[in-house]
């Protein structure tokens, strides 16, 4: 269950849902066992320069080695930049969670997981 957080100056215009989908597609392409990607975006109204910081958090697994990470990073960068139509500072961090990180689904009987599109 990867997590994606995008922090950006609010003068950057892009469709967050399309970027979320693009990042998830890249992750799934390289690791079909990754699962659904939980994604959030945080626009910031106080900044000095136009910028975007994309953080992708994954669980450590034997196949997610240096080569995997470098390839994933390169493709995520290209996928995100394809949606950006202005000059800005760009940062991307792929990080691996600690061994005691817990991620799962809390299910309530009769309720379904909601997506932003469901609102």
C-alpha atoms as a PDB file:
ATOM      1  CA  UNK A   1       0.000   0.000   0.000  1.00  0.00           C
ATOM      2  CA  UNK A   2       2.132   2.904  -1.191  1.00  0.00           C
ATOM      3  CA  UNK A   3       1.507   6.439  -0.026  1.00  0.00           C
ATOM      4  CA  UNK A   4       2.015   9.555  -2.141  1.00  0.00           C
ATOM      5  CA  UNK A   5       2.126  13.082  -0.784  1.00  0.00           C
ATOM      6  CA  UNK A   6       2.469  16.102  -3.014  1.00  0.00           C
ATOM      7  CA  UNK A   7       3.314  19.432  -1.411  1.00  0.00           C
ATOM      8  CA  UNK A   8       3.352  22.380  -3.765  1.00  0.00           C
ATOM      9  CA  UNK A   9       3.154  26.143  -3.932  1.00  0.00           C
ATOM     10  CA  UNK A  10      -0.407  27.077  -4.797  1.00  0.00           C
ATOM     11  CA  UNK A  11       0.662  28.941  -7.928  1.00  0.00           C
ATOM     12  CA  UNK A  12       1.394  25.582  -9.571  1.00  0.00           C
ATOM     13  CA  UNK A  13      -1.522  24.430 -11.680  1.00  0.00           C
ATOM     14  CA  UNK A  14      -2.047  20.727 -12.347  1.00  0.00           C
ATOM     15  CA  UNK A  15      -4.751  18.090 -11.992  1.00  0.00           C
ATOM     16  CA  UNK A  16      -3.889  16.232  -8.793  1.00  0.00           C
ATOM     17  CA  UNK A  17      -6.092  13.253  -9.656  1.00  0.00           C
ATOM     18  CA  UNK A  18      -4.319  12.747 -12.980  1.00  0.00           C
ATOM     19  CA  UNK A  19      -0.936  12.965 -11.283  1.00  0.00           C
ATOM     20  CA  UNK A  20      -2.059  10.530  -8.562  1.00  0.00           C
ATOM     21  CA  UNK A  21      -3.208   8.083 -11.254  1.00  0.00           C
ATOM     22  CA  UNK A  22       0.032   8.502 -13.224  1.00  0.00           C
ATOM     23  CA  UNK A  23       2.187   7.790 -10.161  1.00  0.00           C
ATOM     24  CA  UNK A  24       0.082   4.772  -9.206  1.00  0.00           C
ATOM     25  CA  UNK A  25       0.349   3.420 -12.766  1.00  0.00           C
ATOM     26  CA  UNK A  26       4.157   3.650 -12.653  1.00  0.00           C
ATOM     27  CA  UNK A  27       4.329   1.914  -9.277  1.00  0.00           C
ATOM     28  CA  UNK A  28       1.954  -0.852 -10.424  1.00  0.00           C
ATOM     29  CA  UNK A  29       3.949  -1.309 -13.647  1.00  0.00           C
ATOM     30  CA  UNK A  30       7.068  -2.067 -11.605  1.00  0.00           C
ATOM     31  CA  UNK A  31       5.412  -3.910  -8.727  1.00  0.00           C
ATOM     32  CA  UNK A  32       1.973  -5.453  -9.243  1.00  0.00           C
ATOM     33  CA  UNK A  33       1.929  -6.489  -5.567  1.00  0.00           C
ATOM     34  CA  UNK A  34       2.121  -2.862  -4.376  1.00  0.00           C
ATOM     35  CA  UNK A  35      -1.625  -2.396  -3.942  1.00  0.00           C
ATOM     36  CA  UNK A  36      -3.673   0.771  -4.080  1.00  0.00           C
ATOM     37  CA  UNK A  37      -1.812   4.027  -3.688  1.00  0.00           C
ATOM     38  CA  UNK A  38      -3.134   6.348  -0.987  1.00  0.00           C
ATOM     39  CA  UNK A  39      -2.524   9.867  -2.238  1.00  0.00           C
ATOM     40  CA  UNK A  40      -2.853  13.365  -0.791  1.00  0.00           C
ATOM     41  CA  UNK A  41      -1.958  16.828  -2.041  1.00  0.00           C
ATOM     42  CA  UNK A  42      -1.131  19.867   0.068  1.00  0.00           C
ATOM     43  CA  UNK A  43      -1.087  23.274  -1.635  1.00  0.00           C
ATOM     44  CA  UNK A  44       0.864  25.941   0.224  1.00  0.00           C
ATOM     45  CA  UNK A  45      -0.052  29.628   0.080  1.00  0.00           C
ATOM     46  CA  UNK A  46       3.222  30.915   1.547  1.00  0.00           C
ATOM     47  CA  UNK A  47       6.366  30.188  -0.439  1.00  0.00           C
ATOM     48  CA  UNK A  48       9.369  31.861  -2.007  1.00  0.00           C
ATOM     49  CA  UNK A  49       9.592  30.056  -5.377  1.00  0.00           C
ATOM     50  CA  UNK A  50       7.201  27.908  -7.381  1.00  0.00           C
ATOM     51  CA  UNK A  51       7.949  24.322  -6.416  1.00  0.00           C
ATOM     52  CA  UNK A  52       6.595  20.817  -5.984  1.00  0.00           C
ATOM     53  CA  UNK A  53       7.762  18.043  -3.655  1.00  0.00           C
ATOM     54  CA  UNK A  54       6.530  14.517  -4.349  1.00  0.00           C
ATOM     55  CA  UNK A  55       7.123  11.923  -1.635  1.00  0.00           C
ATOM     56  CA  UNK A  56       6.441   8.249  -2.302  1.00  0.00           C
ATOM     57  CA  UNK A  57       6.503   5.941   0.725  1.00  0.00           C
ATOM     58  CA  UNK A  58       6.814   2.193   0.252  1.00  0.00           C
ATOM     59  CA  UNK A  59       7.344  -0.810   2.484  1.00  0.00           C
ATOM     60  CA  UNK A  60      10.795  -2.393   2.215  1.00  0.00           C
ATOM     61  CA  UNK A  61      10.783  -5.660   0.246  1.00  0.00           C
ATOM     62  CA  UNK A  62      13.679  -7.720  -1.144  1.00  0.00           C
ATOM     63  CA  UNK A  63      12.924  -6.809  -4.784  1.00  0.00           C
ATOM     64  CA  UNK A  64      12.787  -3.087  -4.010  1.00  0.00           C
ATOM     65  CA  UNK A  65      16.504  -2.634  -4.253  1.00  0.00           C
ATOM     66  CA  UNK A  66      18.660   0.260  -5.484  1.00  0.00           C
ATOM     67  CA  UNK A  67      18.063  -0.552  -9.151  1.00  0.00           C
ATOM     68  CA  UNK A  68      14.285  -0.821  -8.641  1.00  0.00           C
ATOM     69  CA  UNK A  69      14.242   2.490  -6.761  1.00  0.00           C
ATOM     70  CA  UNK A  70      16.298   4.350  -9.357  1.00  0.00           C
ATOM     71  CA  UNK A  71      14.091   3.115 -12.213  1.00  0.00           C
ATOM     72  CA  UNK A  72      10.920   3.928 -10.266  1.00  0.00           C
ATOM     73  CA  UNK A  73      12.227   7.399  -9.423  1.00  0.00           C
ATOM     74  CA  UNK A  74      13.097   8.181 -13.024  1.00  0.00           C
ATOM     75  CA  UNK A  75       9.709   7.082 -14.332  1.00  0.00           C
ATOM     76  CA  UNK A  76       7.703   8.821 -11.609  1.00  0.00           C
ATOM     77  CA  UNK A  77       9.602  12.041 -12.289  1.00  0.00           C
ATOM     78  CA  UNK A  78       8.779  11.842 -16.003  1.00  0.00           C
ATOM     79  CA  UNK A  79       5.132  10.971 -15.289  1.00  0.00           C
ATOM     80  CA  UNK A  80       4.661  13.937 -12.943  1.00  0.00           C
ATOM     81  CA  UNK A  81       6.499  16.416 -15.160  1.00  0.00           C
ATOM     82  CA  UNK A  82       4.274  15.443 -18.102  1.00  0.00           C
ATOM     83  CA  UNK A  83       1.425  17.144 -16.181  1.00  0.00           C
ATOM     84  CA  UNK A  84       3.306  20.338 -15.296  1.00  0.00           C
ATOM     85  CA  UNK A  85       2.949  23.226 -17.737  1.00  0.00           C
ATOM     86  CA  UNK A  86       5.109  25.865 -16.033  1.00  0.00           C
ATOM     87  CA  UNK A  87       8.655  26.320 -14.773  1.00  0.00           C
ATOM     88  CA  UNK A  88       9.210  25.385 -11.146  1.00  0.00           C
ATOM     89  CA  UNK A  89      11.568  23.676  -8.751  1.00  0.00           C
ATOM     90  CA  UNK A  90      10.935  19.917  -8.653  1.00  0.00           C
ATOM     91  CA  UNK A  91      11.796  17.443  -5.900  1.00  0.00           C
ATOM     92  CA  UNK A  92      11.000  13.746  -5.597  1.00  0.00           C
ATOM     93  CA  UNK A  93      11.765  11.489  -2.658  1.00  0.00           C
ATOM     94  CA  UNK A  94      11.172   7.746  -2.592  1.00  0.00           C
ATOM     95  CA  UNK A  95      11.405   6.494   0.958  1.00  0.00           C
ATOM     96  CA  UNK A  96      11.016   3.136   2.622  1.00  0.00           C
ATOM     97  CA  UNK A  97       9.036   2.797   5.835  1.00  0.00           C
ATOM     98  CA  UNK A  98      10.531   1.324   8.974  1.00  0.00           C
ATOM     99  CA  UNK A  99       9.976  -2.335   9.833  1.00  0.00           C
ATOM    100  CA  UNK A 100       7.297  -1.540  12.409  1.00  0.00           C
ATOM    101  CA  UNK A 101       5.146   0.607  10.140  1.00  0.00           C
ATOM    102  CA  UNK A 102       1.589  -0.703   9.971  1.00  0.00           C
ATOM    103  CA  UNK A 103      -0.647  -0.276   6.954  1.00  0.00           C
ATOM    104  CA  UNK A 104      -3.904  -2.112   6.346  1.00  0.00           C
ATOM    105  CA  UNK A 105      -7.615  -1.512   5.840  1.00  0.00           C
ATOM    106  CA  UNK A 106     -10.054  -0.760   8.635  1.00  0.00           C
ATOM    107  CA  UNK A 107     -13.397  -2.079   7.406  1.00  0.00           C
ATOM    108  CA  UNK A 108     -16.739  -1.213   8.953  1.00  0.00           C
ATOM    109  CA  UNK A 109     -19.584  -3.583   8.112  1.00  0.00           C
ATOM    110  CA  UNK A 110     -21.954  -2.049   5.574  1.00  0.00           C
ATOM    111  CA  UNK A 111     -19.552   0.747   4.624  1.00  0.00           C
ATOM    112  CA  UNK A 112     -17.326   1.034   1.550  1.00  0.00           C
ATOM    113  CA  UNK A 113     -13.952   2.699   1.186  1.00  0.00           C
ATOM    114  CA  UNK A 114     -14.443   6.168  -0.262  1.00  0.00           C
ATOM    115  CA  UNK A 115     -12.459   7.906  -2.963  1.00  0.00           C
ATOM    116  CA  UNK A 116     -12.423  11.634  -3.560  1.00  0.00           C
ATOM    117  CA  UNK A 117     -14.531  10.967  -6.694  1.00  0.00           C
ATOM    118  CA  UNK A 118     -17.246   9.485  -4.461  1.00  0.00           C
ATOM    119  CA  UNK A 119     -18.082  12.836  -2.834  1.00  0.00           C
END
